[in-house]
Amino acid sequence: GMSGGPVFNDRGEVIGVSTFVRFQPASSTQPAILDRSSHAIAVDALH
């Protein structure tokens, strides 16, 4: 629910936008995987 928030560097510049917690749904051969690390999209890729 916190996705969309800005990610700042130590100089106060926005360097990314928080987006998701990586999740891989279960398949017929593997159980679901939830990666507890958080990710962001870099500002350079937003365009």
All heavy atoms as atom14 arrays in JSON, in Angstrom:
{
  "sequence": "GMSGGPVFNDRGEVIGVSTFVRFQPASSTQPAILDRSSHAIAVDALH",
  "atom14_mask": [
    [1, 1, 1, 1, 0, 0, 0, 0, 0, 0, 0, 0, 0, 0],
    [1, 1, 1, 1, 1, 1, 1, 1, 0, 0, 0, 0, 0, 0],
    [1, 1, 1, 1, 1, 1, 0, 0, 0, 0, 0, 0, 0, 0],
    [1, 1, 1, 1, 0, 0, 0, 0, 0, 0, 0, 0, 0, 0],
    [1, 1, 1, 1, 0, 0, 0, 0, 0, 0, 0, 0, 0, 0],
    [1, 1, 1, 1, 1, 1, 1, 0, 0, 0, 0, 0, 0, 0],
    [1, 1, 1, 1, 1, 1, 1, 0, 0, 0, 0, 0, 0, 0],
    [1, 1, 1, 1, 1, 1, 1, 1, 1, 1, 1, 0, 0, 0],
    [1, 1, 1, 1, 1, 1, 1, 1, 0, 0, 0, 0, 0, 0],
    [1, 1, 1, 1, 1, 1, 1, 1, 0, 0, 0, 0, 0, 0],
    [1, 1, 1, 1, 1, 1, 1, 1, 1, 1, 1, 0, 0, 0],
    [1, 1, 1, 1, 0, 0, 0, 0, 0, 0, 0, 0, 0, 0],
    [1, 1, 1, 1, 1, 1, 1, 1, 1, 0, 0, 0, 0, 0],
    [1, 1, 1, 1, 1, 1, 1, 0, 0, 0, 0, 0, 0, 0],
    [1, 1, 1, 1, 1, 1, 1, 1, 0, 0, 0, 0, 0, 0],
    [1, 1, 1, 1, 0, 0, 0, 0, 0, 0, 0, 0, 0, 0],
    [1, 1, 1, 1, 1, 1, 1, 0, 0, 0, 0, 0, 0, 0],
    [1, 1, 1, 1, 1, 1, 0, 0, 0, 0, 0, 0, 0, 0],
    [1, 1, 1, 1, 1, 1, 1, 0, 0, 0, 0, 0, 0, 0],
    [1, 1, 1, 1, 1, 1, 1, 1, 1, 1, 1, 0, 0, 0],
    [1, 1, 1, 1, 1, 1, 1, 0, 0, 0, 0, 0, 0, 0],
    [1, 1, 1, 1, 1, 1, 1, 1, 1, 1, 1, 0, 0, 0],
    [1, 1, 1, 1, 1, 1, 1, 1, 1, 1, 1, 0, 0, 0],
    [1, 1, 1, 1, 1, 1, 1, 1, 1, 0, 0, 0, 0, 0],
    [1, 1, 1, 1, 1, 1, 1, 0, 0, 0, 0, 0, 0, 0],
    [1, 1, 1, 1, 1, 0, 0, 0, 0, 0, 0, 0, 0, 0],
    [1, 1, 1, 1, 1, 1, 0, 0, 0, 0, 0, 0, 0, 0],
    [1, 1, 1, 1, 1, 1, 0, 0, 0, 0, 0, 0, 0, 0],
    [1, 1, 1, 1, 1, 1, 1, 0, 0, 0, 0, 0, 0, 0],
    [1, 1, 1, 1, 1, 1, 1, 1, 1, 0, 0, 0, 0, 0],
    [1, 1, 1, 1, 1, 1, 1, 0, 0, 0, 0, 0, 0, 0],
    [1, 1, 1, 1, 1, 0, 0, 0, 0, 0, 0, 0, 0, 0],
    [1, 1, 1, 1, 1, 1, 1, 1, 0, 0, 0, 0, 0, 0],
    [1, 1, 1, 1, 1, 1, 1, 1, 0, 0, 0, 0, 0, 0],
    [1, 1, 1, 1, 1, 1, 1, 1, 0, 0, 0, 0, 0, 0],
    [1, 1, 1, 1, 1, 1, 1, 1, 1, 1, 1, 0, 0, 0],
    [1, 1, 1, 1, 1, 1, 0, 0, 0, 0, 0, 0, 0, 0],
    [1, 1, 1, 1, 1, 1, 0, 0, 0, 0, 0, 0, 0, 0],
    [1, 1, 1, 1, 1, 1, 1, 1, 1, 1, 0, 0, 0, 0],
    [1, 1, 1, 1, 1, 0, 0, 0, 0, 0, 0, 0, 0, 0],
    [1, 1, 1, 1, 1, 1, 1, 1, 0, 0, 0, 0, 0, 0],
    [1, 1, 1, 1, 1, 0, 0, 0, 0, 0, 0, 0, 0, 0],
    [1, 1, 1, 1, 1, 1, 1, 0, 0, 0, 0, 0, 0, 0],
    [1, 1, 1, 1, 1, 1, 1, 1, 0, 0, 0, 0, 0, 0],
    [1, 1, 1, 1, 1, 0, 0, 0, 0, 0, 0, 0, 0, 0],
    [1, 1, 1, 1, 1, 1, 1, 1, 0, 0, 0, 0, 0, 0],
    [1, 1, 1, 1, 1, 1, 1, 1, 1, 1, 0, 0, 0, 0]
  ],
  "atom14_positions": [
    [[0.8, -1.22, 0.0], [0.0, 0.0, 0.0], [0.83, 1.27, 0.0], [0.3, 2.36, -0.19], [0.0, 0.0, 0.0], [0.0, 0.0, 0.0], [0.0, 0.0, 0.0], [0.0, 0.0, 0.0], [0.0, 0.0, 0.0], [0.0, 0.0, 0.0], [0.0, 0.0, 0.0], [0.0, 0.0, 0.0], [0.0, 0.0, 0.0], [0.0, 0.0, 0.0]],
    [[2.13, 1.16, 0.21], [3.01, 2.33, 0.24], [3.66, 2.59, -1.11], [4.52, 3.46, -1.23], [4.08, 2.15, 1.32], [3.51, 2.09, 2.72], [4.75, 1.68, 3.94], [5.83, 3.08, 3.86], [0.0, 0.0, 0.0], [0.0, 0.0, 0.0], [0.0, 0.0, 0.0], [0.0, 0.0, 0.0], [0.0, 0.0, 0.0], [0.0, 0.0, 0.0]],
    [[3.27, 1.85, -2.13], [3.89, 2.07, -3.43], [3.51, 3.44, -3.97], [2.46, 4.0, -3.65], [3.47, 0.98, -4.41], [2.08, 1.02, -4.64], [0.0, 0.0, 0.0], [0.0, 0.0, 0.0], [0.0, 0.0, 0.0], [0.0, 0.0, 0.0], [0.0, 0.0, 0.0], [0.0, 0.0, 0.0], [0.0, 0.0, 0.0], [0.0, 0.0, 0.0]],
    [[4.4, 4.0, -4.77], [4.18, 5.32, -5.34], [4.88, 6.43, -4.59], [4.91, 7.57, -5.05], [0.0, 0.0, 0.0], [0.0, 0.0, 0.0], [0.0, 0.0, 0.0], [0.0, 0.0, 0.0], [0.0, 0.0, 0.0], [0.0, 0.0, 0.0], [0.0, 0.0, 0.0], [0.0, 0.0, 0.0], [0.0, 0.0, 0.0], [0.0, 0.0, 0.0]],
    [[5.47, 6.12, -3.46], [6.19, 7.13, -2.7], [7.57, 7.4, -3.25], [8.19, 6.53, -3.86], [0.0, 0.0, 0.0], [0.0, 0.0, 0.0], [0.0, 0.0, 0.0], [0.0, 0.0, 0.0], [0.0, 0.0, 0.0], [0.0, 0.0, 0.0], [0.0, 0.0, 0.0], [0.0, 0.0, 0.0], [0.0, 0.0, 0.0], [0.0, 0.0, 0.0]],
    [[8.09, 8.61, -3.06], [9.42, 8.94, -3.58], [10.51, 8.27, -2.75], [10.36, 8.04, -1.56], [9.48, 10.46, -3.44], [8.57, 10.76, -2.31], [7.47, 9.75, -2.38], [0.0, 0.0, 0.0], [0.0, 0.0, 0.0], [0.0, 0.0, 0.0], [0.0, 0.0, 0.0], [0.0, 0.0, 0.0], [0.0, 0.0, 0.0], [0.0, 0.0, 0.0]],
    [[11.63, 7.98, -3.41], [12.83, 7.47, -2.76], [13.9, 8.53, -2.94], [14.19, 8.94, -4.06], [13.28, 6.13, -3.39], [14.56, 5.64, -2.75], [12.18, 5.09, -3.27], [0.0, 0.0, 0.0], [0.0, 0.0, 0.0], [0.0, 0.0, 0.0], [0.0, 0.0, 0.0], [0.0, 0.0, 0.0], [0.0, 0.0, 0.0], [0.0, 0.0, 0.0]],
    [[14.47, 9.01, -1.83], [15.44, 10.1, -1.85], [16.86, 9.58, -1.62], [17.05, 8.61, -0.91], [15.13, 11.12, -0.75], [13.82, 11.82, -0.91], [12.68, 11.33, -0.29], [13.71, 12.96, -1.68], [11.46, 11.97, -0.43], [12.49, 13.61, -1.83], [11.37, 13.11, -1.2], [0.0, 0.0, 0.0], [0.0, 0.0, 0.0], [0.0, 0.0, 0.0]],
    [[17.84, 10.27, -2.2], [19.22, 9.98, -1.86], [19.62, 10.86, -0.68], [18.81, 11.64, -0.16], [20.15, 10.14, -3.07], [20.24, 11.56, -3.57], [19.77, 12.51, -2.93], [20.84, 11.75, -4.74], [0.0, 0.0, 0.0], [0.0, 0.0, 0.0], [0.0, 0.0, 0.0], [0.0, 0.0, 0.0], [0.0, 0.0, 0.0], [0.0, 0.0, 0.0]],
    [[20.88, 10.78, -0.26], [21.31, 11.55, 0.91], [21.41, 13.06, 0.65], [21.57, 13.84, 1.58], [22.65, 11.02, 1.43], [23.76, 11.04, 0.4], [23.47, 11.3, -0.78], [24.91, 10.78, 0.78], [0.0, 0.0, 0.0], [0.0, 0.0, 0.0], [0.0, 0.0, 0.0], [0.0, 0.0, 0.0], [0.0, 0.0, 0.0], [0.0, 0.0, 0.0]],
    [[21.27, 13.49, -0.6], [21.27, 14.92, -0.92], [19.86, 15.48, -1.07], [19.68, 16.62, -1.46], [22.07, 15.17, -2.2], [23.52, 14.79, -2.02], [24.44, 15.2, -3.11], [23.9, 15.18, -4.45], [24.62, 15.29, -5.53], [25.93, 15.4, -5.44], [24.07, 15.25, -6.72], [0.0, 0.0, 0.0], [0.0, 0.0, 0.0], [0.0, 0.0, 0.0]],
    [[18.86, 14.66, -0.8], [17.48, 15.11, -0.89], [16.88, 15.06, -2.27], [15.8, 15.59, -2.5], [0.0, 0.0, 0.0], [0.0, 0.0, 0.0], [0.0, 0.0, 0.0], [0.0, 0.0, 0.0], [0.0, 0.0, 0.0], [0.0, 0.0, 0.0], [0.0, 0.0, 0.0], [0.0, 0.0, 0.0], [0.0, 0.0, 0.0], [0.0, 0.0, 0.0]],
    [[17.57, 14.43, -3.22], [17.07, 14.32, -4.59], [16.24, 13.05, -4.73], [16.58, 12.01, -4.17], [18.25, 14.25, -5.56], [19.17, 15.44, -5.48], [20.5, 15.2, -6.16], [21.0, 14.06, -6.17], [21.04, 16.18, -6.71], [0.0, 0.0, 0.0], [0.0, 0.0, 0.0], [0.0, 0.0, 0.0], [0.0, 0.0, 0.0], [0.0, 0.0, 0.0]],
    [[15.15, 13.14, -5.48], [14.34, 11.96, -5.75], [15.06, 11.11, -6.78], [15.4, 11.59, -7.86], [12.93, 12.35, -6.26], [12.14, 11.11, -6.63], [12.19, 13.17, -5.22], [0.0, 0.0, 0.0], [0.0, 0.0, 0.0], [0.0, 0.0, 0.0], [0.0, 0.0, 0.0], [0.0, 0.0, 0.0], [0.0, 0.0, 0.0], [0.0, 0.0, 0.0]],
    [[15.33, 9.85, -6.42], [16.04, 8.96, -7.34], [15.18, 7.79, -7.8], [15.57, 7.03, -8.67], [17.33, 8.42, -6.71], [17.03, 7.65, -5.43], [18.32, 9.55, -6.47], [18.19, 6.85, -4.91], [0.0, 0.0, 0.0], [0.0, 0.0, 0.0], [0.0, 0.0, 0.0], [0.0, 0.0, 0.0], [0.0, 0.0, 0.0], [0.0, 0.0, 0.0]],
    [[13.99, 7.65, -7.22], [13.13, 6.56, -7.62], [11.75, 6.68, -7.03], [11.47, 7.58, -6.24], [0.0, 0.0, 0.0], [0.0, 0.0, 0.0], [0.0, 0.0, 0.0], [0.0, 0.0, 0.0], [0.0, 0.0, 0.0], [0.0, 0.0, 0.0], [0.0, 0.0, 0.0], [0.0, 0.0, 0.0], [0.0, 0.0, 0.0], [0.0, 0.0, 0.0]],
    [[10.89, 5.75, -7.41], [9.52, 5.67, -6.91], [9.31, 4.25, -6.41], [9.52, 3.29, -7.15], [8.5, 6.0, -8.02], [7.08, 5.84, -7.51], [8.72, 7.41, -8.55], [0.0, 0.0, 0.0], [0.0, 0.0, 0.0], [0.0, 0.0, 0.0], [0.0, 0.0, 0.0], [0.0, 0.0, 0.0], [0.0, 0.0, 0.0], [0.0, 0.0, 0.0]],
    [[8.93, 4.12, -5.13], [8.7, 2.78, -4.59], [7.54, 2.13, -5.33], [6.55, 2.79, -5.66], [8.42, 2.85, -3.09], [7.25, 3.58, -2.83], [0.0, 0.0, 0.0], [0.0, 0.0, 0.0], [0.0, 0.0, 0.0], [0.0, 0.0, 0.0], [0.0, 0.0, 0.0], [0.0, 0.0, 0.0], [0.0, 0.0, 0.0], [0.0, 0.0, 0.0]],
    [[7.69, 0.85, -5.62], [6.7, 0.24, -6.49], [6.08, -1.03, -5.96], [4.89, -1.21, -6.04], [7.3, -0.09, -7.86], [8.45, -0.9, -7.66], [7.67, 1.15, -8.6], [0.0, 0.0, 0.0], [0.0, 0.0, 0.0], [0.0, 0.0, 0.0], [0.0, 0.0, 0.0], [0.0, 0.0, 0.0], [0.0, 0.0, 0.0], [0.0, 0.0, 0.0]],
    [[6.84, -1.94, -5.42], [6.27, -3.25, -5.14], [7.15, -4.07, -4.23], [8.31, -3.76, -4.02], [6.05, -4.03, -6.43], [7.3, -4.18, -7.27], [8.19, -5.2, -7.03], [7.59, -3.28, -8.27], [9.35, -5.34, -7.78], [8.74, -3.4, -9.03], [9.62, -4.43, -8.78], [0.0, 0.0, 0.0], [0.0, 0.0, 0.0], [0.0, 0.0, 0.0]],
    [[6.56, -5.14, -3.73], [7.28, -6.23, -3.1], [7.2, -7.36, -4.11], [6.12, -7.73, -4.57], [6.63, -6.63, -1.76], [7.32, -7.84, -1.17], [6.67, -5.45, -0.8], [0.0, 0.0, 0.0], [0.0, 0.0, 0.0], [0.0, 0.0, 0.0], [0.0, 0.0, 0.0], [0.0, 0.0, 0.0], [0.0, 0.0, 0.0], [0.0, 0.0, 0.0]],
    [[8.33, -7.87, -4.52], [8.36, -8.88, -5.59], [7.62, -10.14, -5.15], [7.84, -10.68, -4.07], [9.8, -9.22, -5.93], [9.93, -10.04, -7.19], [11.37, -10.35, -7.45], [12.16, -9.15, -7.65], [12.63, -8.78, -8.84], [12.42, -9.5, -9.89], [13.34, -7.68, -8.94], [0.0, 0.0, 0.0], [0.0, 0.0, 0.0], [0.0, 0.0, 0.0]],
    [[6.73, -10.63, -6.0], [5.91, -11.81, -5.72], [5.84, -12.67, -6.98], [5.61, -12.17, -8.07], [4.5, -11.4, -5.3], [3.57, -12.55, -5.11], [3.67, -13.35, -3.98], [2.61, -12.84, -6.04], [2.8, -14.42, -3.8], [1.74, -13.91, -5.87], [1.84, -14.69, -4.74], [0.0, 0.0, 0.0], [0.0, 0.0, 0.0], [0.0, 0.0, 0.0]],
    [[6.07, -13.96, -6.8], [5.93, -14.9, -7.92], [4.81, -15.86, -7.54], [4.91, -16.58, -6.56], [7.22, -15.67, -8.14], [7.14, -16.69, -9.24], [8.48, -17.41, -9.41], [9.53, -16.9, -9.06], [8.42, -18.59, -9.95], [0.0, 0.0, 0.0], [0.0, 0.0, 0.0], [0.0, 0.0, 0.0], [0.0, 0.0, 0.0], [0.0, 0.0, 0.0]],
    [[3.71, -15.86, -8.28], [2.58, -16.74, -7.94], [2.95, -18.21, -8.09], [3.9, -18.56, -8.79], [1.5, -16.34, -8.93], [2.18, -15.6, -10.02], [3.46, -15.07, -9.47], [0.0, 0.0, 0.0], [0.0, 0.0, 0.0], [0.0, 0.0, 0.0], [0.0, 0.0, 0.0], [0.0, 0.0, 0.0], [0.0, 0.0, 0.0], [0.0, 0.0, 0.0]],
    [[2.2, -19.02, -7.41], [2.43, -20.46, -7.48], [2.12, -20.98, -8.88], [1.28, -20.44, -9.59], [1.54, -21.17, -6.46], [0.0, 0.0, 0.0], [0.0, 0.0, 0.0], [0.0, 0.0, 0.0], [0.0, 0.0, 0.0], [0.0, 0.0, 0.0], [0.0, 0.0, 0.0], [0.0, 0.0, 0.0], [0.0, 0.0, 0.0], [0.0, 0.0, 0.0]],
    [[2.85, -21.99, -9.25], [2.58, -22.67, -10.52], [2.32, -24.13, -10.22], [2.32, -24.56, -9.07], [3.77, -22.51, -11.48], [4.87, -23.26, -11.01], [0.0, 0.0, 0.0], [0.0, 0.0, 0.0], [0.0, 0.0, 0.0], [0.0, 0.0, 0.0], [0.0, 0.0, 0.0], [0.0, 0.0, 0.0], [0.0, 0.0, 0.0], [0.0, 0.0, 0.0]],
    [[2.11, -24.9, -11.25], [1.84, -26.33, -11.04], [3.07, -27.07, -10.52], [2.95, -28.14, -9.95], [1.36, -26.97, -12.34], [2.35, -26.83, -13.34], [0.0, 0.0, 0.0], [0.0, 0.0, 0.0], [0.0, 0.0, 0.0], [0.0, 0.0, 0.0], [0.0, 0.0, 0.0], [0.0, 0.0, 0.0], [0.0, 0.0, 0.0], [0.0, 0.0, 0.0]],
    [[4.26, -26.47, -10.68], [5.48, -27.16, -10.25], [6.19, -26.48, -9.08], [7.06, -27.07, -8.48], [6.48, -27.26, -11.42], [6.77, -25.94, -11.89], [5.91, -28.1, -12.55], [0.0, 0.0, 0.0], [0.0, 0.0, 0.0], [0.0, 0.0, 0.0], [0.0, 0.0, 0.0], [0.0, 0.0, 0.0], [0.0, 0.0, 0.0], [0.0, 0.0, 0.0]],
    [[5.82, -25.21, -8.76], [6.5, -24.49, -7.68], [5.5, -23.76, -6.79], [4.49, -23.27, -7.28], [7.47, -23.46, -8.24], [8.67, -24.06, -8.91], [9.66, -22.97, -9.31], [9.27, -21.87, -9.65], [10.93, -23.3, -9.25], [0.0, 0.0, 0.0], [0.0, 0.0, 0.0], [0.0, 0.0, 0.0], [0.0, 0.0, 0.0], [0.0, 0.0, 0.0]],
    [[5.81, -23.67, -5.49], [4.94, -22.89, -4.59], [5.15, -21.39, -4.83], [6.11, -20.98, -5.47], [5.43, -23.3, -3.21], [6.86, -23.7, -3.4], [6.92, -24.3, -4.79], [0.0, 0.0, 0.0], [0.0, 0.0, 0.0], [0.0, 0.0, 0.0], [0.0, 0.0, 0.0], [0.0, 0.0, 0.0], [0.0, 0.0, 0.0], [0.0, 0.0, 0.0]],
    [[4.25, -20.6, -4.3], [4.37, -19.14, -4.4], [5.62, -18.67, -3.67], [6.01, -19.25, -2.66], [3.14, -18.46, -3.83], [0.0, 0.0, 0.0], [0.0, 0.0, 0.0], [0.0, 0.0, 0.0], [0.0, 0.0, 0.0], [0.0, 0.0, 0.0], [0.0, 0.0, 0.0], [0.0, 0.0, 0.0], [0.0, 0.0, 0.0], [0.0, 0.0, 0.0]],
    [[6.25, -17.63, -4.19], [7.45, -17.07, -3.58], [7.2, -15.59, -3.31], [6.78, -14.85, -4.19], [8.67, -17.21, -4.52], [8.96, -18.68, -4.79], [9.89, -16.5, -3.93], [10.0, -18.91, -5.86], [0.0, 0.0, 0.0], [0.0, 0.0, 0.0], [0.0, 0.0, 0.0], [0.0, 0.0, 0.0], [0.0, 0.0, 0.0], [0.0, 0.0, 0.0]],
    [[7.44, -15.18, -2.08], [7.32, -13.77, -1.71], [8.69, -13.3, -1.27], [9.24, -13.77, -0.29], [6.31, -13.58, -0.58], [6.14, -12.17, -0.04], [5.65, -11.24, -1.15], [5.19, -12.16, 1.12], [0.0, 0.0, 0.0], [0.0, 0.0, 0.0], [0.0, 0.0, 0.0], [0.0, 0.0, 0.0], [0.0, 0.0, 0.0], [0.0, 0.0, 0.0]],
    [[9.29, -12.4, -2.03], [10.59, -11.81, -1.71], [10.31, -10.62, -0.81], [9.68, -9.65, -1.23], [11.29, -11.39, -3.0], [12.64, -10.74, -2.76], [13.04, -10.61, -1.59], [13.28, -10.36, -3.73], [0.0, 0.0, 0.0], [0.0, 0.0, 0.0], [0.0, 0.0, 0.0], [0.0, 0.0, 0.0], [0.0, 0.0, 0.0], [0.0, 0.0, 0.0]],
    [[10.75, -10.67, 0.41], [10.43, -9.63, 1.38], [11.17, -8.31, 1.15], [10.95, -7.34, 1.83], [10.73, -10.13, 2.8], [9.86, -11.27, 3.22], [8.54, -10.77, 3.66], [7.71, -11.89, 4.1], [6.44, -11.82, 4.26], [5.81, -10.7, 4.0], [5.75, -12.85, 4.64], [0.0, 0.0, 0.0], [0.0, 0.0, 0.0], [0.0, 0.0, 0.0]],
    [[12.07, -8.26, 0.19], [12.75, -7.0, -0.08], [11.84, -6.09, -0.9], [10.99, -6.55, -1.64], [14.06, -7.25, -0.82], [13.83, -7.87, -2.05], [0.0, 0.0, 0.0], [0.0, 0.0, 0.0], [0.0, 0.0, 0.0], [0.0, 0.0, 0.0], [0.0, 0.0, 0.0], [0.0, 0.0, 0.0], [0.0, 0.0, 0.0], [0.0, 0.0, 0.0]],
    [[12.04, -4.81, -0.76], [11.24, -3.82, -1.47], [12.04, -3.25, -2.64], [13.26, -3.2, -2.6], [10.84, -2.69, -0.53], [10.09, -3.21, 0.55], [0.0, 0.0, 0.0], [0.0, 0.0, 0.0], [0.0, 0.0, 0.0], [0.0, 0.0, 0.0], [0.0, 0.0, 0.0], [0.0, 0.0, 0.0], [0.0, 0.0, 0.0], [0.0, 0.0, 0.0]],
    [[11.35, -2.81, -3.66], [11.99, -2.32, -4.87], [11.41, -0.97, -5.27], [10.34, -0.58, -4.83], [11.79, -3.33, -6.01], [12.46, -4.62, -5.74], [11.91, -5.59, -4.95], [13.66, -5.11, -6.14], [12.73, -6.62, -4.89], [13.8, -6.35, -5.6], [0.0, 0.0, 0.0], [0.0, 0.0, 0.0], [0.0, 0.0, 0.0], [0.0, 0.0, 0.0]],
    [[12.13, -0.29, -6.15], [11.69, 0.99, -6.69], [12.12, 1.06, -8.15], [13.07, 0.39, -8.56], [12.3, 2.14, -5.91], [0.0, 0.0, 0.0], [0.0, 0.0, 0.0], [0.0, 0.0, 0.0], [0.0, 0.0, 0.0], [0.0, 0.0, 0.0], [0.0, 0.0, 0.0], [0.0, 0.0, 0.0], [0.0, 0.0, 0.0], [0.0, 0.0, 0.0]],
    [[11.41, 1.86, -8.91], [11.79, 2.14, -10.29], [12.62, 3.41, -10.27], [12.23, 4.42, -9.68], [10.55, 2.33, -11.18], [9.75, 1.04, -11.25], [10.96, 2.79, -12.57], [8.46, 1.17, -11.99], [0.0, 0.0, 0.0], [0.0, 0.0, 0.0], [0.0, 0.0, 0.0], [0.0, 0.0, 0.0], [0.0, 0.0, 0.0], [0.0, 0.0, 0.0]],
    [[13.79, 3.36, -10.91], [14.66, 4.53, -10.96], [14.0, 5.64, -11.77], [13.29, 5.38, -12.75], [16.0, 4.15, -11.6], [0.0, 0.0, 0.0], [0.0, 0.0, 0.0], [0.0, 0.0, 0.0], [0.0, 0.0, 0.0], [0.0, 0.0, 0.0], [0.0, 0.0, 0.0], [0.0, 0.0, 0.0], [0.0, 0.0, 0.0], [0.0, 0.0, 0.0]],
    [[14.22, 6.88, -11.38], [13.63, 8.03, -12.05], [13.98, 8.03, -13.54], [13.16, 8.37, -14.39], [14.08, 9.34, -11.37], [13.69, 10.55, -12.18], [13.49, 9.43, -9.98], [0.0, 0.0, 0.0], [0.0, 0.0, 0.0], [0.0, 0.0, 0.0], [0.0, 0.0, 0.0], [0.0, 0.0, 0.0], [0.0, 0.0, 0.0], [0.0, 0.0, 0.0]],
    [[15.19, 7.63, -13.87], [15.63, 7.61, -15.27], [14.76, 6.7, -16.14], [14.69, 6.9, -17.34], [17.08, 7.15, -15.38], [18.03, 8.13, -14.71], [17.63, 9.28, -14.47], [19.17, 7.73, -14.44], [0.0, 0.0, 0.0], [0.0, 0.0, 0.0], [0.0, 0.0, 0.0], [0.0, 0.0, 0.0], [0.0, 0.0, 0.0], [0.0, 0.0, 0.0]],
    [[14.12, 5.7, -15.54], [13.31, 4.76, -16.31], [11.84, 5.16, -16.39], [11.07, 4.58, -17.15], [13.41, 3.36, -15.69], [0.0, 0.0, 0.0], [0.0, 0.0, 0.0], [0.0, 0.0, 0.0], [0.0, 0.0, 0.0], [0.0, 0.0, 0.0], [0.0, 0.0, 0.0], [0.0, 0.0, 0.0], [0.0, 0.0, 0.0], [0.0, 0.0, 0.0]],
    [[11.43, 6.17, -15.63], [10.02, 6.54, -15.58], [9.48, 7.09, -16.89], [8.3, 6.94, -17.19], [9.77, 7.55, -14.46], [9.92, 7.0, -13.05], [9.76, 8.13, -12.04], [8.94, 5.88, -12.79], [0.0, 0.0, 0.0], [0.0, 0.0, 0.0], [0.0, 0.0, 0.0], [0.0, 0.0, 0.0], [0.0, 0.0, 0.0], [0.0, 0.0, 0.0]],
    [[10.31, 7.71, -17.69], [9.82, 8.28, -18.94], [9.22, 7.21, -19.86], [8.38, 7.51, -20.69], [10.94, 9.04, -19.66], [12.01, 8.16, -20.22], [13.04, 7.68, -19.45], [12.18, 7.66, -21.46], [13.82, 6.93, -20.21], [13.33, 6.89, -21.43], [0.0, 0.0, 0.0], [0.0, 0.0, 0.0], [0.0, 0.0, 0.0], [0.0, 0.0, 0.0]]
  ]
}
